[in-house]
C-alpha cells in the first residue's frame, strides 16, 4: 500500500515545516489529490491517522481536496476533463493529449499553533 508511504512523507514534511516555524501543534493539513494521481483517498486518510500518531500532527484534521484531471488536445488545442489516461479529445477524437492537471498530490497548506 503506497498510501502509507505517502502519508509518512506528508507527516514528515508538515512536521519539519512546523518545527522550522516554531510551532507546537499542527491543527490542519490540506492536501490536493489529482484524479489521475493513483491515490486511494480513503486509504490515504486512514494511513495518515496512523502515520501522524505521536507527532505534532496527531490531532491535525486532514483535508483532502480532489482535483479533476484535465487535458489539452495537441491537435486542436481543446481543453477537457480526463476520465483516464486514455481519454480521446471530445472535439476531434485524437488521443494526442497532454495532461495539464490532475496527476499530482501536494500539500497546499498547514494550520499551526505557536
PDB file of N, CA and C in Angstrom:
ATOM      1  N   UNK A   1       0.849  -1.174   0.000  1.00  0.00           N
ATOM      2  CA  UNK A   1       0.000   0.000   0.000  1.00  0.00           C
ATOM      3  C   UNK A   1       0.891   1.233   0.000  1.00  0.00           C
ATOM      4  N   UNK A   2       0.982   1.910  -1.142  1.00  0.00           N
ATOM      5  CA  UNK A   2       1.846   3.081  -1.214  1.00  0.00           C
ATOM      6  C   UNK A   2       1.249   4.292  -0.515  1.00  0.00           C
ATOM      7  N   UNK A   3      -0.027   4.237  -0.151  1.00  0.00           N
ATOM      8  CA  UNK A   3      -0.635   5.349   0.574  1.00  0.00           C
ATOM      9  C   UNK A   3       0.037   5.552   1.931  1.00  0.00           C
ATOM     10  N   UNK A   4       0.524   4.479   2.551  1.00  0.00           N
ATOM     11  CA  UNK A   4       1.244   4.619   3.830  1.00  0.00           C
ATOM     12  C   UNK A   4       2.543   5.384   3.621  1.00  0.00           C
ATOM     13  N   UNK A   5       3.241   5.078   2.554  1.00  0.00           N
ATOM     14  CA  UNK A   5       4.467   5.802   2.246  1.00  0.00           C
ATOM     15  C   UNK A   5       4.173   7.281   1.987  1.00  0.00           C
ATOM     16  N   UNK A   6       3.105   7.553   1.275  1.00  0.00           N
ATOM     17  CA  UNK A   6       2.702   8.937   1.023  1.00  0.00           C
ATOM     18  C   UNK A   6       2.327   9.644   2.317  1.00  0.00           C
ATOM     19  N   UNK A   7       1.567   8.961   3.167  1.00  0.00           N
ATOM     20  CA  UNK A   7       1.152   9.547   4.449  1.00  0.00           C
ATOM     21  C   UNK A   7       2.367   9.850   5.322  1.00  0.00           C
ATOM     22  N   UNK A   8       3.322   8.936   5.367  1.00  0.00           N
ATOM     23  CA  UNK A   8       4.546   9.168   6.146  1.00  0.00           C
ATOM     24  C   UNK A   8       5.313  10.377   5.607  1.00  0.00           C
ATOM     25  N   UNK A   9       5.370  10.507   4.297  1.00  0.00           N
ATOM     26  CA  UNK A   9       6.054  11.652   3.688  1.00  0.00           C
ATOM     27  C   UNK A   9       5.334  12.966   4.003  1.00  0.00           C
ATOM     28  N   UNK A  10       4.019  12.936   3.959  1.00  0.00           N
ATOM     29  CA  UNK A  10       3.241  14.141   4.292  1.00  0.00           C
ATOM     30  C   UNK A  10       3.483  14.543   5.737  1.00  0.00           C
ATOM     31  N   UNK A  11       3.414  13.587   6.648  1.00  0.00           N
ATOM     32  CA  UNK A  11       3.628  13.873   8.072  1.00  0.00           C
ATOM     33  C   UNK A  11       5.034  14.404   8.300  1.00  0.00           C
ATOM     34  N   UNK A  12       6.024  13.790   7.664  1.00  0.00           N
ATOM     35  CA  UNK A  12       7.405  14.253   7.801  1.00  0.00           C
ATOM     36  C   UNK A  12       7.549  15.690   7.299  1.00  0.00           C
ATOM     37  N   UNK A  13       6.949  15.966   6.153  1.00  0.00           N
ATOM     38  CA  UNK A  13       7.016  17.305   5.579  1.00  0.00           C
ATOM     39  C   UNK A  13       6.369  18.347   6.477  1.00  0.00           C
ATOM     40  N   UNK A  14       5.146  18.093   6.928  1.00  0.00           N
ATOM     41  CA  UNK A  14       4.442  19.098   7.730  1.00  0.00           C
ATOM     42  C   UNK A  14       5.070  19.266   9.108  1.00  0.00           C
ATOM     43  N   UNK A  15       5.553  18.179   9.688  1.00  0.00           N
ATOM     44  CA  UNK A  15       6.215  18.292  11.000  1.00  0.00           C
ATOM     45  C   UNK A  15       7.522  19.064  10.890  1.00  0.00           C
ATOM     46  N   UNK A  16       8.284  18.826   9.813  1.00  0.00           N
ATOM     47  CA  UNK A  16       9.529  19.572   9.597  1.00  0.00           C
ATOM     48  C   UNK A  16       9.251  21.058   9.410  1.00  0.00           C
ATOM     49  N   UNK A  17       8.234  21.353   8.613  1.00  0.00           N
ATOM     50  CA  UNK A  17       7.889  22.758   8.357  1.00  0.00           C
ATOM     51  C   UNK A  17       7.372  23.436   9.626  1.00  0.00           C
ATOM     52  N   UNK A  18       6.559  22.732  10.390  1.00  0.00           N
ATOM     53  CA  UNK A  18       6.037  23.292  11.643  1.00  0.00           C
ATOM     54  C   UNK A  18       7.171  23.551  12.632  1.00  0.00           C
ATOM     55  N   UNK A  19       8.112  22.627  12.716  1.00  0.00           N
ATOM     56  CA  UNK A  19       9.261  22.810  13.612  1.00  0.00           C
ATOM     57  C   UNK A  19      10.092  24.021  13.185  1.00  0.00           C
ATOM     58  N   UNK A  20      10.270  24.198  11.888  1.00  0.00           N
ATOM     59  CA  UNK A  20      11.028  25.343  11.381  1.00  0.00           C
ATOM     60  C   UNK A  20      10.345  26.660  11.706  1.00  0.00           C
ATOM     61  N   UNK A  21       9.026  26.640  11.832  1.00  0.00           N
ATOM     62  CA  UNK A  21       8.264  27.845  12.173  1.00  0.00           C
ATOM     63  C   UNK A  21       8.083  28.000  13.683  1.00  0.00           C
ATOM     64  N   UNK A  22       8.599  27.049  14.475  1.00  0.00           N
ATOM     65  CA  UNK A  22       8.482  27.118  15.923  1.00  0.00           C
ATOM     66  C   UNK A  22       7.106  26.744  16.441  1.00  0.00           C
ATOM     67  N   UNK A  23       6.381  25.959  15.679  1.00  0.00           N
ATOM     68  CA  UNK A  23       5.010  25.576  16.051  1.00  0.00           C
ATOM     69  C   UNK A  23       5.021  24.427  17.051  1.00  0.00           C
ATOM     70  N   UNK A  24       4.046  24.455  17.935  1.00  0.00           N
ATOM     71  CA  UNK A  24       3.887  23.371  18.879  1.00  0.00           C
ATOM     72  C   UNK A  24       2.922  22.308  18.390  1.00  0.00           C
ATOM     73  N   UNK A  25       1.876  22.747  17.696  1.00  0.00           N
ATOM     74  CA  UNK A  25       0.823  21.837  17.266  1.00  0.00           C
ATOM     75  C   UNK A  25       0.423  22.146  15.828  1.00  0.00           C
ATOM     76  N   UNK A  26       0.129  21.096  15.096  1.00  0.00           N
ATOM     77  CA  UNK A  26      -0.410  21.246  13.742  1.00  0.00           C
ATOM     78  C   UNK A  26      -1.903  20.969  13.843  1.00  0.00           C
ATOM     79  N   UNK A  27      -2.725  21.921  13.410  1.00  0.00           N
ATOM     80  CA  UNK A  27      -4.179  21.786  13.522  1.00  0.00           C
ATOM     81  C   UNK A  27      -4.839  21.239  12.262  1.00  0.00           C
ATOM     82  N   UNK A  28      -4.301  21.599  11.113  1.00  0.00           N
ATOM     83  CA  UNK A  28      -4.908  21.144   9.868  1.00  0.00           C
ATOM     84  C   UNK A  28      -3.843  21.013   8.787  1.00  0.00           C
ATOM     85  N   UNK A  29      -4.023  19.985   7.961  1.00  0.00           N
ATOM     86  CA  UNK A  29      -3.172  19.775   6.791  1.00  0.00           C
ATOM     87  C   UNK A  29      -4.111  19.662   5.596  1.00  0.00           C
ATOM     88  N   UNK A  30      -3.860  20.473   4.590  1.00  0.00           N
ATOM     89  CA  UNK A  30      -4.694  20.471   3.396  1.00  0.00           C
ATOM     90  C   UNK A  30      -3.873  19.908   2.233  1.00  0.00           C
ATOM     91  N   UNK A  31      -4.420  18.870   1.588  1.00  0.00           N
ATOM     92  CA  UNK A  31      -3.725  18.170   0.519  1.00  0.00           C
ATOM     93  C   UNK A  31      -4.612  18.105  -0.715  1.00  0.00           C
ATOM     94  N   UNK A  32      -4.051  18.420  -1.875  1.00  0.00           N
ATOM     95  CA  UNK A  32      -4.756  18.241  -3.140  1.00  0.00           C
ATOM     96  C   UNK A  32      -4.335  16.905  -3.746  1.00  0.00           C
ATOM     97  N   UNK A  33      -5.322  16.123  -4.194  1.00  0.00           N
ATOM     98  CA  UNK A  33      -5.049  14.821  -4.805  1.00  0.00           C
ATOM     99  C   UNK A  33      -5.716  14.785  -6.175  1.00  0.00           C
ATOM    100  N   UNK A  34      -4.908  14.663  -7.214  1.00  0.00           N
ATOM    101  CA  UNK A  34      -5.426  14.596  -8.568  1.00  0.00           C
ATOM    102  C   UNK A  34      -6.106  13.263  -8.845  1.00  0.00           C
ATOM    103  N   UNK A  35      -7.118  13.309  -9.708  1.00  0.00           N
ATOM    104  CA  UNK A  35      -7.873  12.093 -10.012  1.00  0.00           C
ATOM    105  C   UNK A  35      -7.039  11.056 -10.763  1.00  0.00           C
ATOM    106  N   UNK A  36      -5.907  11.470 -11.349  1.00  0.00           N
ATOM    107  CA  UNK A  36      -5.005  10.528 -12.020  1.00  0.00           C
ATOM    108  C   UNK A  36      -3.714  10.306 -11.242  1.00  0.00           C
ATOM    109  N   UNK A  37      -3.718  10.656  -9.959  1.00  0.00           N
ATOM    110  CA  UNK A  37      -2.516  10.506  -9.136  1.00  0.00           C
ATOM    111  C   UNK A  37      -2.283   9.067  -8.678  1.00  0.00           C
ATOM    112  N   UNK A  38      -3.288   8.228  -8.835  1.00  0.00           N
ATOM    113  CA  UNK A  38      -3.131   6.835  -8.412  1.00  0.00           C
ATOM    114  C   UNK A  38      -3.188   6.663  -6.908  1.00  0.00           C
ATOM    115  N   UNK A  39      -3.934   7.532  -6.242  1.00  0.00           N
ATOM    116  CA  UNK A  39      -4.032   7.509  -4.785  1.00  0.00           C
ATOM    117  C   UNK A  39      -5.468   7.182  -4.379  1.00  0.00           C
ATOM    118  N   UNK A  40      -5.621   6.213  -3.506  1.00  0.00           N
ATOM    119  CA  UNK A  40      -6.931   5.914  -2.927  1.00  0.00           C
ATOM    120  C   UNK A  40      -7.128   6.856  -1.742  1.00  0.00           C
ATOM    121  N   UNK A  41      -8.045   7.784  -1.874  1.00  0.00           N
ATOM    122  CA  UNK A  41      -8.232   8.849  -0.878  1.00  0.00           C
ATOM    123  C   UNK A  41      -8.581   8.281   0.495  1.00  0.00           C
ATOM    124  N   UNK A  42      -9.477   7.296   0.566  1.00  0.00           N
ATOM    125  CA  UNK A  42      -9.841   6.703   1.859  1.00  0.00           C
ATOM    126  C   UNK A  42      -8.642   6.021   2.512  1.00  0.00           C
ATOM    127  N   UNK A  43      -7.834   5.355   1.709  1.00  0.00           N
ATOM    128  CA  UNK A  43      -6.640   4.691   2.238  1.00  0.00           C
ATOM    129  C   UNK A  43      -5.624   5.714   2.731  1.00  0.00           C
ATOM    130  N   UNK A  44      -5.483   6.825   1.998  1.00  0.00           N
ATOM    131  CA  UNK A  44      -4.565   7.884   2.428  1.00  0.00           C
ATOM    132  C   UNK A  44      -5.003   8.472   3.760  1.00  0.00           C
ATOM    133  N   UNK A  45      -6.291   8.730   3.922  1.00  0.00           N
ATOM    134  CA  UNK A  45      -6.809   9.288   5.177  1.00  0.00           C
ATOM    135  C   UNK A  45      -6.564   8.315   6.329  1.00  0.00           C
ATOM    136  N   UNK A  46      -6.816   7.034   6.103  1.00  0.00           N
ATOM    137  CA  UNK A  46      -6.593   6.016   7.135  1.00  0.00           C
ATOM    138  C   UNK A  46      -5.115   5.950   7.505  1.00  0.00           C
ATOM    139  N   UNK A  47      -4.256   5.919   6.503  1.00  0.00           N
ATOM    140  CA  UNK A  47      -2.818   5.831   6.748  1.00  0.00           C
ATOM    141  C   UNK A  47      -2.279   7.091   7.408  1.00  0.00           C
ATOM    142  N   UNK A  48      -2.840   8.239   7.065  1.00  0.00           N
ATOM    143  CA  UNK A  48      -2.403   9.494   7.674  1.00  0.00           C
ATOM    144  C   UNK A  48      -2.606   9.451   9.185  1.00  0.00           C
ATOM    145  N   UNK A  49      -3.762   8.955   9.614  1.00  0.00           N
ATOM    146  CA  UNK A  49      -4.023   8.864  11.057  1.00  0.00           C
ATOM    147  C   UNK A  49      -2.961   8.022  11.753  1.00  0.00           C
ATOM    148  N   UNK A  50      -2.586   6.912  11.146  1.00  0.00           N
ATOM    149  CA  UNK A  50      -1.566   6.042  11.736  1.00  0.00           C
ATOM    150  C   UNK A  50      -0.186   6.694  11.679  1.00  0.00           C
ATOM    151  N   UNK A  51       0.142   7.334  10.559  1.00  0.00           N
ATOM    152  CA  UNK A  51       1.457   7.953  10.389  1.00  0.00           C
ATOM    153  C   UNK A  51       1.652   9.149  11.315  1.00  0.00           C
ATOM    154  N   UNK A  52       0.570   9.863  11.616  1.00  0.00           N
ATOM    155  CA  UNK A  52       0.659  11.074  12.437  1.00  0.00           C
ATOM    156  C   UNK A  52       0.684  10.791  13.936  1.00  0.00           C
ATOM    157  N   UNK A  53       0.348   9.566  14.322  1.00  0.00           N
ATOM    158  CA  UNK A  53       0.306   9.214  15.743  1.00  0.00           C
ATOM    159  C   UNK A  53       1.646   9.539  16.412  1.00  0.00           C
ATOM    160  N   UNK A  54       1.589  10.147  17.580  1.00  0.00           N
ATOM    161  CA  UNK A  54       2.759  10.522  18.380  1.00  0.00           C
ATOM    162  C   UNK A  54       3.655  11.565  17.693  1.00  0.00           C
ATOM    163  N   UNK A  55       3.054  12.402  16.859  1.00  0.00           N
ATOM    164  CA  UNK A  55       3.778  13.513  16.224  1.00  0.00           C
ATOM    165  C   UNK A  55       2.998  14.799  16.490  1.00  0.00           C
ATOM    166  N   UNK A  56       3.579  15.954  16.191  1.00  0.00           N
ATOM    167  CA  UNK A  56       2.825  17.206  16.335  1.00  0.00           C
ATOM    168  C   UNK A  56       1.588  17.272  15.435  1.00  0.00           C
ATOM    169  N   UNK A  57       1.497  16.378  14.465  1.00  0.00           N
ATOM    170  CA  UNK A  57       0.349  16.356  13.552  1.00  0.00           C
ATOM    171  C   UNK A  57      -0.738  15.381  13.993  1.00  0.00           C
ATOM    172  N   UNK A  58      -0.594  14.796  15.172  1.00  0.00           N
ATOM    173  CA  UNK A  58      -1.521  13.746  15.618  1.00  0.00           C
ATOM    174  C   UNK A  58      -2.973  14.221  15.689  1.00  0.00           C
ATOM    175  N   UNK A  59      -3.192  15.460  16.088  1.00  0.00           N
ATOM    176  CA  UNK A  59      -4.565  15.958  16.221  1.00  0.00           C
ATOM    177  C   UNK A  59      -5.019  16.755  14.996  1.00  0.00           C
ATOM    178  N   UNK A  60      -4.167  16.824  13.992  1.00  0.00           N
ATOM    179  CA  UNK A  60      -4.483  17.633  12.816  1.00  0.00           C
ATOM    180  C   UNK A  60      -5.590  17.009  11.989  1.00  0.00           C
ATOM    181  N   UNK A  61      -6.450  17.877  11.511  1.00  0.00           N
ATOM    182  CA  UNK A  61      -7.502  17.469  10.591  1.00  0.00           C
ATOM    183  C   UNK A  61      -6.897  17.409   9.192  1.00  0.00           C
ATOM    184  N   UNK A  62      -7.006  16.257   8.533  1.00  0.00           N
ATOM    185  CA  UNK A  62      -6.522  16.122   7.169  1.00  0.00           C
ATOM    186  C   UNK A  62      -7.662  16.472   6.224  1.00  0.00           C
ATOM    187  N   UNK A  63      -7.469  17.527   5.452  1.00  0.00           N
ATOM    188  CA  UNK A  63      -8.480  17.940   4.473  1.00  0.00           C
ATOM    189  C   UNK A  63      -7.949  17.566   3.091  1.00  0.00           C
ATOM    190  N   UNK A  64      -8.648  16.650   2.429  1.00  0.00           N
ATOM    191  CA  UNK A  64      -8.238  16.195   1.109  1.00  0.00           C
ATOM    192  C   UNK A  64      -9.137  16.862   0.066  1.00  0.00           C
ATOM    193  N   UNK A  65      -8.516  17.560  -0.850  1.00  0.00           N
ATOM    194  CA  UNK A  65      -9.239  18.271  -1.903  1.00  0.00           C
ATOM    195  C   UNK A  65      -9.023  17.522  -3.221  1.00  0.00           C
ATOM    196  N   UNK A  66     -10.086  16.950  -3.779  1.00  0.00           N
ATOM    197  CA  UNK A  66      -9.924  16.253  -5.059  1.00  0.00           C
ATOM    198  C   UNK A  66      -9.746  17.253  -6.208  1.00  0.00           C
ATOM    199  N   UNK A  67      -8.843  16.914  -7.134  1.00  0.00           N
ATOM    200  CA  UNK A  67      -8.593  17.751  -8.297  1.00  0.00           C
ATOM    201  C   UNK A  67      -8.895  16.915  -9.545  1.00  0.00           C
ATOM    202  N   UNK A  68      -9.859  17.365 -10.326  1.00  0.00           N
ATOM    203  CA  UNK A  68     -10.240  16.669 -11.547  1.00  0.00           C
ATOM    204  C   UNK A  68      -9.144  16.832 -12.601  1.00  0.00           C
ATOM    205  N   UNK A  69      -8.796  15.745 -13.263  1.00  0.00           N
ATOM    206  CA  UNK A  69      -7.778  15.790 -14.314  1.00  0.00           C
ATOM    207  C   UNK A  69      -8.308  16.517 -15.544  1.00  0.00           C
ATOM    208  N   UNK A  70      -7.415  17.269 -16.180  1.00  0.00           N
ATOM    209  CA  UNK A  70      -7.743  17.956 -17.428  1.00  0.00           C
ATOM    210  C   UNK A  70      -6.624  17.720 -18.426  1.00  0.00           C
ATOM    211  N   UNK A  71      -7.011  17.714 -19.687  1.00  0.00           N
ATOM    212  CA  UNK A  71      -6.037  17.537 -20.749  1.00  0.00           C
ATOM    213  C   UNK A  71      -6.234  18.572 -21.833  1.00  0.00           C
ATOM    214  N   UNK A  72      -5.160  18.747 -22.634  1.00  0.00           N
ATOM    215  CA  UNK A  72      -5.219  19.647 -23.782  1.00  0.00           C
ATOM    216  C   UNK A  72      -4.874  18.816 -25.012  1.00  0.00           C
ATOM    217  N   UNK A  73      -5.745  18.878 -25.992  1.00  0.00           N
ATOM    218  CA  UNK A  73      -5.521  18.164 -27.241  1.00  0.00           C
ATOM    219  C   UNK A  73      -4.366  18.827 -27.981  1.00  0.00           C
ATOM    220  N   UNK A  74      -3.390  18.038 -28.402  1.00  0.00           N
ATOM    221  CA  UNK A  74      -2.248  18.585 -29.123  1.00  0.00           C
ATOM    222  C   UNK A  74      -2.587  18.897 -30.580  1.00  0.00           C
ATOM    223  N   UNK A  75      -3.713  18.371 -31.070  1.00  0.00           N
ATOM    224  CA  UNK A  75      -4.121  18.640 -32.449  1.00  0.00           C
ATOM    225  C   UNK A  75      -4.978  19.899 -32.565  1.00  0.00           C
ATOM    226  N   UNK A  76      -6.044  19.973 -31.754  1.00  0.00           N
ATOM    227  CA  UNK A  76      -6.982  21.105 -31.886  1.00  0.00           C
ATOM    228  C   UNK A  76      -6.941  22.086 -30.717  1.00  0.00           C
ATOM    229  N   UNK A  77      -6.132  21.794 -29.672  1.00  0.00           N
ATOM    230  CA  UNK A  77      -5.953  22.661 -28.501  1.00  0.00           C
ATOM    231  C   UNK A  77      -7.162  22.729 -27.578  1.00  0.00           C
ATOM    232  N   UNK A  78      -8.163  21.861 -27.776  1.00  0.00           N
ATOM    233  CA  UNK A  78      -9.320  21.812 -26.888  1.00  0.00           C
ATOM    234  C   UNK A  78      -8.867  21.367 -25.494  1.00  0.00           C
ATOM    235  N   UNK A  79      -9.398  21.982 -24.448  1.00  0.00           N
ATOM    236  CA  UNK A  79      -9.121  21.594 -23.065  1.00  0.00           C
ATOM    237  C   UNK A  79     -10.375  20.920 -22.524  1.00  0.00           C
ATOM    238  N   UNK A  80     -10.190  19.744 -21.896  1.00  0.00           N
ATOM    239  CA  UNK A  80     -11.340  18.957 -21.463  1.00  0.00           C
ATOM    240  C   UNK A  80     -10.981  18.103 -20.252  1.00  0.00           C
ATOM    241  N   UNK A  81     -12.022  17.609 -19.573  1.00  0.00           N
ATOM    242  CA  UNK A  81     -11.863  16.746 -18.397  1.00  0.00           C
ATOM    243  C   UNK A  81     -11.430  15.358 -18.855  1.00  0.00           C
ATOM    244  N   UNK A  82     -10.443  14.797 -18.165  1.00  0.00           N
ATOM    245  CA  UNK A  82      -9.958  13.447 -18.454  1.00  0.00           C
ATOM    246  C   UNK A  82     -10.548  12.466 -17.450  1.00  0.00           C
ATOM    247  N   UNK A  83     -11.123  11.416 -17.933  1.00  0.00           N
ATOM    248  CA  UNK A  83     -11.635  10.350 -17.065  1.00  0.00           C
ATOM    249  C   UNK A  83     -10.567   9.294 -16.798  1.00  0.00           C
ATOM    250  N   UNK A  84      -9.579   9.192 -17.699  1.00  0.00           N
ATOM    251  CA  UNK A  84      -8.481   8.242 -17.556  1.00  0.00           C
ATOM    252  C   UNK A  84      -7.299   8.766 -18.365  1.00  0.00           C
ATOM    253  N   UNK A  85      -6.192   8.032 -18.322  1.00  0.00           N
ATOM    254  CA  UNK A  85      -5.020   8.416 -19.097  1.00  0.00           C
ATOM    255  C   UNK A  85      -5.266   8.286 -20.601  1.00  0.00           C
ATOM    256  N   UNK A  86      -6.246   7.508 -20.984  1.00  0.00           N
ATOM    257  CA  UNK A  86      -6.504   7.220 -22.395  1.00  0.00           C
ATOM    258  C   UNK A  86      -7.858   7.763 -22.842  1.00  0.00           C
ATOM    259  N   UNK A  87      -8.129   9.007 -22.520  1.00  0.00           N
ATOM    260  CA  UNK A  87      -9.366   9.667 -22.925  1.00  0.00           C
ATOM    261  C   UNK A  87      -9.118  10.413 -24.224  1.00  0.00           C
ATOM    262  N   UNK A  88      -9.897  10.128 -25.260  1.00  0.00           N
ATOM    263  CA  UNK A  88      -9.711  10.862 -26.514  1.00  0.00           C
ATOM    264  C   UNK A  88     -10.291  12.273 -26.412  1.00  0.00           C
ATOM    265  N   UNK A  89      -9.819  13.137 -27.264  1.00  0.00           N
ATOM    266  CA  UNK A  89     -10.340  14.502 -27.333  1.00  0.00           C
ATOM    267  C   UNK A  89     -11.795  14.453 -27.784  1.00  0.00           C
ATOM    268  N   UNK A  90     -12.694  15.077 -27.040  1.00  0.00           N
ATOM    269  CA  UNK A  90     -14.104  15.057 -27.439  1.00  0.00           C
ATOM    270  C   UNK A  90     -14.382  15.910 -28.686  1.00  0.00           C
ATOM    271  N   UNK A  91     -13.476  16.825 -29.008  1.00  0.00           N
ATOM    272  CA  UNK A  91     -13.693  17.700 -30.158  1.00  0.00           C
ATOM    273  C   UNK A  91     -13.254  17.049 -31.475  1.00  0.00           C
ATOM    274  N   UNK A  92     -12.091  16.354 -31.460  1.00  0.00           N
ATOM    275  CA  UNK A  92     -11.573  15.812 -32.723  1.00  0.00           C
ATOM    276  C   UNK A  92     -11.298  14.311 -32.691  1.00  0.00           C
ATOM    277  N   UNK A  93     -11.367  13.702 -31.506  1.00  0.00           N
ATOM    278  CA  UNK A  93     -11.221  12.251 -31.396  1.00  0.00           C
ATOM    279  C   UNK A  93      -9.805  11.715 -31.298  1.00  0.00           C
ATOM    280  N   UNK A  94      -8.812  12.564 -31.394  1.00  0.00           N
ATOM    281  CA  UNK A  94      -7.429  12.091 -31.308  1.00  0.00           C
ATOM    282  C   UNK A  94      -7.056  11.743 -29.864  1.00  0.00           C
ATOM    283  N   UNK A  95      -6.056  10.874 -29.738  1.00  0.00           N
ATOM    284  CA  UNK A  95      -5.541  10.509 -28.417  1.00  0.00           C
ATOM    285  C   UNK A  95      -4.254  11.268 -28.089  1.00  0.00           C
ATOM    286  N   UNK A  96      -3.915  12.235 -28.901  1.00  0.00           N
ATOM    287  CA  UNK A  96      -2.716  13.042 -28.658  1.00  0.00           C
ATOM    288  C   UNK A  96      -3.061  14.126 -27.649  1.00  0.00           C
ATOM    289  N   UNK A  97      -3.004  13.760 -26.373  1.00  0.00           N
ATOM    290  CA  UNK A  97      -3.473  14.635 -25.305  1.00  0.00           C
ATOM    291  C   UNK A  97      -2.364  14.854 -24.286  1.00  0.00           C
ATOM    292  N   UNK A  98      -2.158  16.103 -23.927  1.00  0.00           N
ATOM    293  CA  UNK A  98      -1.214  16.465 -22.871  1.00  0.00           C
ATOM    294  C   UNK A  98      -2.013  16.630 -21.579  1.00  0.00           C
ATOM    295  N   UNK A  99      -1.594  15.929 -20.527  1.00  0.00           N
ATOM    296  CA  UNK A  99      -2.256  16.071 -19.227  1.00  0.00           C
ATOM    297  C   UNK A  99      -1.747  17.369 -18.600  1.00  0.00           C
ATOM    298  N   UNK A 100      -2.657  18.270 -18.293  1.00  0.00           N
ATOM    299  CA  UNK A 100      -2.262  19.577 -17.747  1.00  0.00           C
ATOM    300  C   UNK A 100      -2.639  19.740 -16.274  1.00  0.00           C
ATOM    301  N   UNK A 101      -3.413  18.812 -15.745  1.00  0.00           N
ATOM    302  CA  UNK A 101      -3.840  18.898 -14.342  1.00  0.00           C
ATOM    303  C   UNK A 101      -4.357  17.538 -13.892  1.00  0.00           C
ATOM    304  N   UNK A 102      -4.082  17.210 -12.628  1.00  0.00           N
ATOM    305  CA  UNK A 102      -4.713  16.032 -12.039  1.00  0.00           C
ATOM    306  C   UNK A 102      -3.823  14.837 -11.804  1.00  0.00           C
ATOM    307  N   UNK A 103      -2.507  14.989 -11.979  1.00  0.00           N
ATOM    308  CA  UNK A 103      -1.595  13.876 -11.722  1.00  0.00           C
ATOM    309  C   UNK A 103      -0.858  14.027 -10.386  1.00  0.00           C
ATOM    310  N   UNK A 104      -1.052  15.140  -9.708  1.00  0.00           N
ATOM    311  CA  UNK A 104      -0.252  15.474  -8.535  1.00  0.00           C
ATOM    312  C   UNK A 104      -0.938  15.164  -7.210  1.00  0.00           C
ATOM    313  N   UNK A 105      -0.111  15.008  -6.218  1.00  0.00           N
ATOM    314  CA  UNK A 105      -0.529  15.022  -4.817  1.00  0.00           C
ATOM    315  C   UNK A 105       0.368  16.064  -4.170  1.00  0.00           C
ATOM    316  N   UNK A 106      -0.232  17.103  -3.587  1.00  0.00           N
ATOM    317  CA  UNK A 106       0.604  18.124  -2.971  1.00  0.00           C
ATOM    318  C   UNK A 106      -0.034  18.702  -1.720  1.00  0.00           C
ATOM    319  N   UNK A 107       0.813  19.007  -0.770  1.00  0.00           N
ATOM    320  CA  UNK A 107       0.397  19.708   0.443  1.00  0.00           C
ATOM    321  C   UNK A 107       0.268  21.182   0.073  1.00  0.00           C
ATOM    322  N   UNK A 108      -0.923  21.739   0.262  1.00  0.00           N
ATOM    323  CA  UNK A 108      -1.152  23.126  -0.121  1.00  0.00           C
ATOM    324  C   UNK A 108      -1.195  24.079   1.065  1.00  0.00           C
ATOM    325  N   UNK A 109      -1.497  23.572   2.268  1.00  0.00           N
ATOM    326  CA  UNK A 109      -1.460  24.449   3.437  1.00  0.00           C
ATOM    327  C   UNK A 109      -1.368  23.647   4.727  1.00  0.00           C
ATOM    328  N   UNK A 110      -0.850  24.326   5.737  1.00  0.00           N
ATOM    329  CA  UNK A 110      -0.727  23.763   7.083  1.00  0.00           C
ATOM    330  C   UNK A 110      -1.176  24.845   8.039  1.00  0.00           C
ATOM    331  N   UNK A 111      -2.076  24.505   8.971  1.00  0.00           N
ATOM    332  CA  UNK A 111      -2.505  25.438  10.003  1.00  0.00           C
ATOM    333  C   UNK A 111      -1.835  24.990  11.311  1.00  0.00           C
ATOM    334  N   UNK A 112      -1.080  25.931  11.936  1.00  0.00           N
ATOM    335  CA  UNK A 112      -0.306  25.587  13.130  1.00  0.00           C
ATOM    336  C   UNK A 112      -0.612  26.540  14.283  1.00  0.00           C
ATOM    337  N   UNK A 113      -0.279  26.071  15.501  1.00  0.00           N
ATOM    338  CA  UNK A 113      -0.288  26.908  16.699  1.00  0.00           C
ATOM    339  C   UNK A 113       1.156  27.111  17.126  1.00  0.00           C
ATOM    340  N   UNK A 114       1.449  28.319  17.559  1.00  0.00           N
ATOM    341  CA  UNK A 114       2.819  28.590  18.031  1.00  0.00           C
ATOM    342  C   UNK A 114       2.953  28.265  19.494  1.00  0.00           C
TER     343      UNK A 114
END
